[in-house]
C-alpha atoms as a PDB file:
ATOM      1  CA  MET A   1      27.636 -23.115 -61.407  1.00  0.00           C
ATOM      2  CA  LEU A   2      30.224 -23.632 -64.133  1.00  0.00           C
ATOM      3  CA  GLU A   3      29.889 -26.576 -66.506  1.00  0.00           C
ATOM      4  CA  TRP A   4      31.380 -27.952 -69.725  1.00  0.00           C
ATOM      5  CA  ARG A   5      31.246 -31.221 -71.643  1.00  0.00           C
ATOM      6  CA  ASP A   6      33.999 -32.739 -73.769  1.00  0.00           C
ATOM      7  CA  GLN A   7      35.632 -36.010 -74.705  1.00  0.00           C
ATOM      8  CA  GLY A   8      38.985 -36.843 -73.224  1.00  0.00           C
ATOM      9  CA  VAL A   9      41.662 -39.446 -72.622  1.00  0.00           C
ATOM     10  CA  LEU A  10      42.117 -40.565 -69.034  1.00  0.00           C
ATOM     11  CA  LEU A  11      45.758 -40.052 -68.059  1.00  0.00           C
ATOM     12  CA  GLY A  12      45.835 -40.735 -64.340  1.00  0.00           C
ATOM     13  CA  VAL A  13      43.611 -41.776 -61.457  1.00  0.00           C
ATOM     14  CA  ARG A  14      44.052 -42.066 -57.708  1.00  0.00           C
ATOM     15  CA  ARG A  15      41.729 -42.724 -54.827  1.00  0.00           C
ATOM     16  CA  HIS A  16      40.143 -39.717 -53.158  1.00  0.00           C
ATOM     17  CA  GLY A  17      38.629 -40.363 -49.763  1.00  0.00           C
ATOM     18  CA  GLU A  18      36.654 -43.535 -49.135  1.00  0.00           C
ATOM     19  CA  THR A  19      34.618 -43.824 -52.326  1.00  0.00           C
ATOM     20  CA  SER A  20      35.758 -41.219 -54.863  1.00  0.00           C
ATOM     21  CA  ALA A  21      38.613 -40.902 -57.352  1.00  0.00           C
ATOM     22  CA  LEU A  22      40.646 -37.914 -58.525  1.00  0.00           C
ATOM     23  CA  ILE A  23      41.339 -38.169 -62.245  1.00  0.00           C
ATOM     24  CA  GLN A  24      43.368 -36.262 -64.813  1.00  0.00           C
ATOM     25  CA  ALA A  25      42.115 -36.211 -68.380  1.00  0.00           C
ATOM     26  CA  PHE A  26      43.422 -34.694 -71.608  1.00  0.00           C
ATOM     27  CA  THR A  27      40.523 -33.131 -73.498  1.00  0.00           C
ATOM     28  CA  GLU A  28      40.403 -31.571 -76.946  1.00  0.00           C
ATOM     29  CA  SER A  29      38.879 -28.217 -76.002  1.00  0.00           C
ATOM     30  CA  HIS A  30      39.978 -27.803 -72.379  1.00  0.00           C
ATOM     31  CA  GLY A  31      43.419 -29.420 -72.269  1.00  0.00           C
ATOM     32  CA  LEU A  32      44.699 -31.227 -69.191  1.00  0.00           C
ATOM     33  CA  PHE A  33      41.986 -31.124 -66.539  1.00  0.00           C
ATOM     34  CA  ALA A  34      41.570 -32.667 -63.106  1.00  0.00           C
ATOM     35  CA  GLY A  35      38.365 -33.447 -61.263  1.00  0.00           C
ATOM     36  CA  ILE A  36      36.768 -35.711 -58.700  1.00  0.00           C
ATOM     37  CA  VAL A  37      34.588 -38.623 -59.758  1.00  0.00           C
ATOM     38  CA  ARG A  38      32.053 -39.367 -57.037  1.00  0.00           C
ATOM     39  CA  GLY A  39      31.871 -43.109 -56.489  1.00  0.00           C
ATOM     40  CA  GLY A  40      34.980 -43.551 -58.633  1.00  0.00           C
ATOM     41  CA  ALA A  41      36.276 -46.296 -56.333  1.00  0.00           C
ATOM     42  CA  SER A  42      33.115 -48.388 -56.695  1.00  0.00           C
ATOM     43  CA  ARG A  43      32.959 -51.720 -58.507  1.00  0.00           C
ATOM     44  CA  ARG A  44      30.762 -50.142 -61.168  1.00  0.00           C
ATOM     45  CA  ILE A  45      32.917 -47.140 -62.055  1.00  0.00           C
ATOM     46  CA  ALA A  46      36.476 -48.179 -61.149  1.00  0.00           C
ATOM     47  CA  PRO A  47      36.837 -50.554 -64.148  1.00  0.00           C
ATOM     48  CA  VAL A  48      35.979 -47.632 -66.461  1.00  0.00           C
ATOM     49  CA  LEU A  49      38.714 -45.444 -64.991  1.00  0.00           C
ATOM     50  CA  GLN A  50      41.712 -47.100 -66.646  1.00  0.00           C
ATOM     51  CA  PRO A  51      44.560 -44.964 -68.069  1.00  0.00           C
ATOM     52  CA  GLY A  52      44.152 -44.543 -71.812  1.00  0.00           C
ATOM     53  CA  ALA A  53      40.364 -44.883 -71.723  1.00  0.00           C
ATOM     54  CA  GLN A  54      38.336 -42.560 -73.934  1.00  0.00           C
ATOM     55  CA  LEU A  55      35.657 -40.871 -71.843  1.00  0.00           C
ATOM     56  CA  ASP A  56      32.730 -38.528 -72.258  1.00  0.00           C
ATOM     57  CA  LEU A  57      33.241 -35.975 -69.502  1.00  0.00           C
ATOM     58  CA  CYS A  58      31.002 -33.412 -67.877  1.00  0.00           C
ATOM     59  CA  TRP A  59      32.851 -31.093 -65.472  1.00  0.00           C
ATOM     60  CA  ARG A  60      31.072 -28.951 -62.895  1.00  0.00           C
ATOM     61  CA  ALA A  61      32.289 -26.536 -60.237  1.00  0.00           C
ATOM     62  CA  ARG A  62      30.968 -23.522 -58.374  1.00  0.00           C
ATOM     63  CA  LEU A  63      34.066 -21.451 -59.191  1.00  0.00           C
ATOM     64  CA  SER A  64      36.677 -21.797 -61.947  1.00  0.00           C
ATOM     65  CA  GLU A  65      39.511 -22.192 -59.435  1.00  0.00           C
ATOM     66  CA  HIS A  66      37.841 -25.194 -57.796  1.00  0.00           C
ATOM     67  CA  VAL A  67      38.918 -28.726 -58.676  1.00  0.00           C
ATOM     68  CA  GLY A  68      35.323 -29.577 -59.545  1.00  0.00           C
ATOM     69  CA  THR A  69      33.683 -32.911 -60.236  1.00  0.00           C
ATOM     70  CA  PHE A  70      33.473 -35.097 -63.324  1.00  0.00           C
ATOM     71  CA  ALA A  71      30.532 -37.162 -64.465  1.00  0.00           C
ATOM     72  CA  VAL A  72      31.996 -39.804 -66.768  1.00  0.00           C
ATOM     73  CA  GLU A  73      30.640 -42.105 -69.437  1.00  0.00           C
ATOM     74  CA  PRO A  74      32.854 -44.671 -71.201  1.00  0.00           C
ATOM     75  CA  VAL A  75      33.420 -44.237 -74.932  1.00  0.00           C
ATOM     76  CA  LYS A  76      36.269 -46.666 -75.565  1.00  0.00           C
ATOM     77  CA  SER A  77      38.479 -48.845 -73.394  1.00  0.00           C
ATOM     78  CA  ARG A  78      42.011 -49.442 -74.618  1.00  0.00           C
ATOM     79  CA  SER A  79      43.162 -51.634 -71.741  1.00  0.00           C
ATOM     80  CA  ASP A  80      42.334 -54.994 -73.375  1.00  0.00           C
ATOM     81  CA  ALA A  81      44.471 -54.267 -76.438  1.00  0.00           C
ATOM     82  CA  VAL A  82      47.551 -53.142 -74.526  1.00  0.00           C
ATOM     83  CA  MET A  83      47.379 -55.757 -71.779  1.00  0.00           C
ATOM     84  CA  ARG A  84      48.086 -58.445 -74.371  1.00  0.00           C
ATOM     85  CA  ASP A  85      51.405 -56.814 -75.337  1.00  0.00           C
ATOM     86  CA  ARG A  86      53.968 -55.616 -72.784  1.00  0.00           C
ATOM     87  CA  LEU A  87      55.563 -53.287 -75.307  1.00  0.00           C
ATOM     88  CA  ALA A  88      52.222 -51.661 -76.101  1.00  0.00           C
ATOM     89  CA  LEU A  89      51.534 -51.291 -72.383  1.00  0.00           C
ATOM     90  CA  ALA A  90      54.900 -49.554 -71.988  1.00  0.00           C
ATOM     91  CA  GLY A  91      53.910 -47.269 -74.858  1.00  0.00           C
ATOM     92  CA  LEU A  92      50.611 -46.374 -73.206  1.00  0.00           C
ATOM     93  CA  ASN A  93      52.333 -45.637 -69.901  1.00  0.00           C
ATOM     94  CA  ALA A  94      54.909 -43.422 -71.642  1.00  0.00           C
ATOM     95  CA  VAL A  95      52.238 -41.402 -73.452  1.00  0.00           C
ATOM     96  CA  THR A  96      50.097 -40.795 -70.375  1.00  0.00           C
ATOM     97  CA  ALA A  97      53.090 -40.018 -68.162  1.00  0.00           C
ATOM     98  CA  LEU A  98      54.624 -37.535 -70.611  1.00  0.00           C
ATOM     99  CA  LEU A  99      51.339 -35.705 -71.113  1.00  0.00           C
ATOM    100  CA  VAL A 100      50.811 -35.293 -67.370  1.00  0.00           C
ATOM    101  CA  PHE A 101      54.466 -34.311 -66.996  1.00  0.00           C
ATOM    102  CA  CYS A 102      54.639 -31.511 -69.518  1.00  0.00           C
ATOM    103  CA  LEU A 103      51.175 -30.139 -70.297  1.00  0.00           C
ATOM    104  CA  PRO A 104      50.106 -26.972 -68.517  1.00  0.00           C
ATOM    105  CA  GLU A 105      46.746 -27.444 -66.832  1.00  0.00           C
ATOM    106  CA  ARG A 106      43.583 -26.123 -68.481  1.00  0.00           C
ATOM    107  CA  GLU A 107      45.293 -25.073 -71.710  1.00  0.00           C
ATOM    108  CA  ALA A 108      43.894 -26.503 -74.929  1.00  0.00           C
ATOM    109  CA  HIS A 109      46.210 -28.299 -77.359  1.00  0.00           C
ATOM    110  CA  PRO A 110      43.750 -29.688 -79.923  1.00  0.00           C
ATOM    111  CA  ARG A 111      46.337 -30.801 -82.502  1.00  0.00           C
ATOM    112  CA  LEU A 112      48.328 -32.726 -79.926  1.00  0.00           C
ATOM    113  CA  TYR A 113      45.113 -34.168 -78.524  1.00  0.00           C
ATOM    114  CA  ARG A 114      44.065 -35.525 -81.924  1.00  0.00           C
ATOM    115  CA  HIS A 115      47.566 -36.870 -82.562  1.00  0.00           C
ATOM    116  CA  SER A 116      47.504 -38.587 -79.160  1.00  0.00           C
ATOM    117  CA  VAL A 117      44.127 -40.234 -79.813  1.00  0.00           C
ATOM    118  CA  VAL A 118      45.337 -41.632 -83.153  1.00  0.00           C
ATOM    119  CA  LEU A 119      48.437 -43.074 -81.473  1.00  0.00           C
ATOM    120  CA  LEU A 120      46.482 -44.591 -78.579  1.00  0.00           C
ATOM    121  CA  ASP A 121      44.099 -46.257 -81.012  1.00  0.00           C
ATOM    122  CA  LEU A 122      47.069 -47.960 -82.690  1.00  0.00           C
ATOM    123  CA  LEU A 123      48.548 -49.393 -79.489  1.00  0.00           C
ATOM    124  CA  GLY A 124      48.213 -53.161 -79.478  1.00  0.00           C
ATOM    125  CA  GLN A 125      46.260 -53.030 -82.742  1.00  0.00           C
ATOM    126  CA  SER A 126      48.955 -52.412 -85.340  1.00  0.00           C
ATOM    127  CA  ASP A 127      52.688 -53.030 -85.765  1.00  0.00           C
ATOM    128  CA  ALA A 128      52.929 -49.417 -86.931  1.00  0.00           C
ATOM    129  CA  TRP A 129      52.494 -47.953 -83.462  1.00  0.00           C
ATOM    130  CA  PRO A 130      56.202 -47.664 -82.460  1.00  0.00           C
ATOM    131  CA  LEU A 131      56.825 -45.441 -85.485  1.00  0.00           C
ATOM    132  CA  ALA A 132      53.642 -43.515 -84.671  1.00  0.00           C
ATOM    133  CA  TYR A 133      54.926 -43.081 -81.120  1.00  0.00           C
ATOM    134  CA  LEU A 134      58.218 -41.642 -82.388  1.00  0.00           C
ATOM    135  CA  ARG A 135      56.312 -39.192 -84.587  1.00  0.00           C
ATOM    136  CA  TRP A 136      54.162 -38.330 -81.560  1.00  0.00           C
ATOM    137  CA  GLU A 137      57.243 -37.360 -79.541  1.00  0.00           C
ATOM    138  CA  LEU A 138      58.236 -35.047 -82.401  1.00  0.00           C
ATOM    139  CA  ALA A 139      54.737 -33.537 -82.311  1.00  0.00           C
ATOM    140  CA  LEU A 140      54.949 -33.112 -78.532  1.00  0.00           C
ATOM    141  CA  LEU A 141      58.230 -31.219 -78.867  1.00  0.00           C
ATOM    142  CA  GLU A 142      56.782 -29.056 -81.642  1.00  0.00           C
ATOM    143  CA  GLU A 143      53.618 -28.274 -79.697  1.00  0.00           C
ATOM    144  CA  LEU A 144      55.525 -27.061 -76.659  1.00  0.00           C
ATOM    145  CA  GLY A 145      58.072 -24.949 -78.508  1.00  0.00           C
ATOM    146  CA  PHE A 146      60.997 -27.335 -78.925  1.00  0.00           C
ATOM    147  CA  GLY A 147      60.376 -28.549 -82.465  1.00  0.00           C
ATOM    148  CA  LEU A 148      63.221 -29.946 -84.562  1.00  0.00           C
ATOM    149  CA  ASP A 149      64.066 -28.547 -88.000  1.00  0.00           C
ATOM    150  CA  LEU A 150      64.855 -31.620 -90.087  1.00  0.00           C
ATOM    151  CA  SER A 151      63.961 -30.127 -93.475  1.00  0.00           C
ATOM    152  CA  ARG A 152      67.479 -29.253 -94.652  1.00  0.00           C
ATOM    153  CA  CYS A 153      71.112 -29.189 -93.589  1.00  0.00           C
ATOM    154  CA  ALA A 154      71.868 -26.332 -91.223  1.00  0.00           C
ATOM    155  CA  VAL A 155      75.364 -25.974 -92.738  1.00  0.00           C
ATOM    156  CA  THR A 156      74.871 -26.335 -96.488  1.00  0.00           C
ATOM    157  CA  GLY A 157      71.143 -25.762 -96.875  1.00  0.00           C
ATOM    158  CA  GLY A 158      70.882 -28.975 -98.878  1.00  0.00           C
ATOM    159  CA  ILE A 159      68.125 -31.544 -98.486  1.00  0.00           C
ATOM    160  CA  ASP A 160      70.102 -34.666 -99.396  1.00  0.00           C
ATOM    161  CA  ASP A 161      72.118 -37.069 -97.256  1.00  0.00           C
ATOM    162  CA  LEU A 162      70.721 -35.758 -93.970  1.00  0.00           C
ATOM    163  CA  ALA A 163      72.223 -38.014 -91.317  1.00  0.00           C
ATOM    164  CA  TYR A 164      72.569 -36.153 -88.016  1.00  0.00           C
ATOM    165  CA  VAL A 165      70.881 -33.645 -85.708  1.00  0.00           C
ATOM    166  CA  SER A 166      72.668 -30.916 -83.807  1.00  0.00           C
ATOM    167  CA  PRO A 167      72.099 -31.507 -80.070  1.00  0.00           C
ATOM    168  CA  ARG A 168      72.272 -27.759 -79.517  1.00  0.00           C
ATOM    169  CA  THR A 169      69.992 -26.365 -82.232  1.00  0.00           C
ATOM    170  CA  GLY A 170      67.826 -29.349 -83.200  1.00  0.00           C
ATOM    171  CA  ARG A 171      68.631 -28.792 -86.871  1.00  0.00           C
ATOM    172  CA  ALA A 172      69.591 -31.467 -89.397  1.00  0.00           C
ATOM    173  CA  ILE A 173      73.174 -31.937 -90.561  1.00  0.00           C
ATOM    174  CA  SER A 174      74.256 -33.814 -93.689  1.00  0.00           C
ATOM    175  CA  ALA A 175      76.862 -36.575 -93.476  1.00  0.00           C
ATOM    176  CA  GLU A 176      79.288 -34.506 -95.553  1.00  0.00           C
ATOM    177  CA  ALA A 177      78.891 -31.387 -93.432  1.00  0.00           C
ATOM    178  CA  ALA A 178      79.260 -33.328 -90.198  1.00  0.00           C
ATOM    179  CA  GLY A 179      82.777 -34.423 -91.043  1.00  0.00           C
ATOM    180  CA  ARG A 180      84.956 -35.101 -88.021  1.00  0.00           C
ATOM    181  CA  TRP A 181      82.228 -33.756 -85.707  1.00  0.00           C
ATOM    182  CA  ALA A 182      79.867 -36.627 -86.449  1.00  0.00           C
ATOM    183  CA  ASP A 183      80.500 -38.368 -83.139  1.00  0.00           C
ATOM    184  CA  ARG A 184      79.230 -35.272 -81.299  1.00  0.00           C
ATOM    185  CA  LEU A 185      75.913 -35.244 -83.162  1.00  0.00           C
ATOM    186  CA  LEU A 186      72.677 -37.152 -82.668  1.00  0.00           C
ATOM    187  CA  PRO A 187      71.458 -39.751 -85.196  1.00  0.00           C
ATOM    188  CA  LEU A 188      68.866 -38.818 -87.805  1.00  0.00           C
ATOM    189  CA  PRO A 189      67.392 -42.160 -88.936  1.00  0.00           C
ATOM    190  CA  PRO A 190      64.898 -42.269 -91.834  1.00  0.00           C
ATOM    191  CA  ALA A 191      62.106 -42.884 -89.313  1.00  0.00           C
ATOM    192  CA  LEU A 192      62.479 -39.326 -88.028  1.00  0.00           C
ATOM    193  CA  LEU A 193      62.103 -38.007 -91.567  1.00  0.00           C
ATOM    194  CA  GLY A 194      59.005 -40.041 -92.284  1.00  0.00           C
ATOM    195  CA  HIS A 195      60.915 -42.443 -94.536  1.00  0.00           C
ATOM    196  CA  GLY A 196      61.852 -46.092 -94.273  1.00  0.00           C
ATOM    197  CA  ASP A 197      59.824 -49.090 -93.236  1.00  0.00           C
ATOM    198  CA  GLY A 198      59.303 -48.151 -89.584  1.00  0.00           C
ATOM    199  CA  ALA A 199      61.548 -50.952 -88.344  1.00  0.00           C
ATOM    200  CA  LEU A 200      61.973 -51.036 -84.586  1.00  0.00           C
ATOM    201  CA  ARG A 201      65.743 -50.441 -84.758  1.00  0.00           C
ATOM    202  CA  GLY A 202      65.228 -47.175 -86.621  1.00  0.00           C
ATOM    203  CA  VAL A 203      62.582 -46.145 -84.098  1.00  0.00           C
ATOM    204  CA  ALA A 204      65.030 -46.855 -81.272  1.00  0.00           C
ATOM    205  CA  ALA A 205      67.630 -44.617 -82.914  1.00  0.00           C
ATOM    206  CA  GLY A 206      65.034 -41.890 -83.331  1.00  0.00           C
ATOM    207  CA  LEU A 207      64.054 -42.105 -79.670  1.00  0.00           C
ATOM    208  CA  GLN A 208      67.671 -41.462 -78.737  1.00  0.00           C
ATOM    209  CA  THR A 209      67.409 -38.133 -80.528  1.00  0.00           C
ATOM    210  CA  THR A 210      63.951 -37.086 -79.349  1.00  0.00           C
ATOM    211  CA  GLY A 211      64.923 -38.166 -75.837  1.00  0.00           C
ATOM    212  CA  HIS A 212      67.777 -35.669 -75.819  1.00  0.00           C
ATOM    213  CA  PHE A 213      65.405 -32.794 -76.544  1.00  0.00           C
ATOM    214  CA  LEU A 214      62.760 -34.057 -74.137  1.00  0.00           C
ATOM    215  CA  LYS A 215      65.416 -33.911 -71.420  1.00  0.00           C
ATOM    216  CA  SER A 216      67.149 -30.664 -72.425  1.00  0.00           C
ATOM    217  CA  GLY A 217      63.939 -28.871 -73.379  1.00  0.00           C
ATOM    218  CA  LEU A 218      60.778 -30.096 -71.695  1.00  0.00           C
ATOM    219  CA  ALA A 219      62.361 -31.527 -68.555  1.00  0.00           C
ATOM    220  CA  ALA A 220      65.025 -28.904 -67.931  1.00  0.00           C
ATOM    221  CA  GLN A 221      63.320 -25.745 -69.161  1.00  0.00           C
ATOM    222  CA  VAL A 222      59.600 -26.395 -68.639  1.00  0.00           C
ATOM    223  CA  ALA A 223      59.121 -28.894 -65.835  1.00  0.00           C
ATOM    224  CA  GLY A 224      62.371 -28.410 -63.937  1.00  0.00           C
ATOM    225  CA  ARG A 225      62.535 -32.090 -63.028  1.00  0.00           C
ATOM    226  CA  PRO A 226      63.603 -35.368 -64.683  1.00  0.00           C
ATOM    227  CA  LEU A 227      61.487 -37.074 -67.305  1.00  0.00           C
ATOM    228  CA  PRO A 228      59.028 -39.653 -65.949  1.00  0.00           C
ATOM    229  CA  ASP A 229      60.499 -43.138 -65.606  1.00  0.00           C
ATOM    230  CA  ALA A 230      57.793 -44.530 -67.914  1.00  0.00           C
ATOM    231  CA  ARG A 231      59.529 -43.047 -70.922  1.00  0.00           C
ATOM    232  CA  GLN A 232      62.811 -44.834 -70.151  1.00  0.00           C
ATOM    233  CA  ARG A 233      60.916 -48.056 -69.468  1.00  0.00           C
ATOM    234  CA  LEU A 234      59.545 -47.892 -73.011  1.00  0.00           C
ATOM    235  CA  VAL A 235      63.044 -47.375 -74.437  1.00  0.00           C
ATOM    236  CA  ASP A 236      64.297 -50.325 -72.380  1.00  0.00           C
ATOM    237  CA  ALA A 237      61.390 -52.499 -73.538  1.00  0.00           C
ATOM    238  CA  ILE A 238      62.189 -51.716 -77.166  1.00  0.00           C
ATOM    239  CA  ASP A 239      65.853 -52.609 -76.580  1.00  0.00           C
ATOM    240  CA  ARG A 240      64.827 -55.931 -75.039  1.00  0.00           C
ATOM    241  CA  ARG A 241      62.546 -56.663 -77.994  1.00  0.00           C
ATOM    242  CA  LEU A 242      65.409 -55.932 -80.392  1.00  0.00           C
ATOM    243  CA  ASN A 243      68.019 -57.931 -78.490  1.00  0.00           C
ATOM    244  CA  GLY A 244      65.867 -60.643 -76.937  1.00  0.00           C
END
């Protein structure tokens, strides 16, 4: 019998048979993992199995290739915080959907896991979370091999007046170097550089840029299918908040 224990974030849950649930969790030491929770559809356990919940997990299986079963204990519920704010709920749905979409199963990504937990703890609790979400998308790209190089201008090598990102290379371009090609480049708002006040409009501009690389990198080259709709719903929710 194989067994391990770890903490994890619940990403997805669906009914399995009459009384059980099949869940996907992102754990620090074991990565994205699926397993069956016996009695997961019951009135006692079902309320615990909410996307975004922090769980103590014990996985068991006879063989490593088996789906296995999870015994779960709640550590922290995040549903109350996000249910009070539609934008925060959209953020939670985008995070969980993107992780399920792009993470290879049973491969540890401890840095991304810790970054994800910090972000999830901010949702609905702090006005800083949209900026934290943008930085999380940068971390996701970096973790999976599509990181952006925003440290200096790809043309001049300078570190000042960085204003654009090349959609082909993911490298920063200064306003001067961009010249007449500026309209073919992606925006590089201060929020992407870790500067500024984290205003929602700057975050929205940053998401335009990270979204390009999520589509051209993760979706096209890794998953081979379109990004989950939850990510676009978050972008749309931010636009409504800005223009409402």
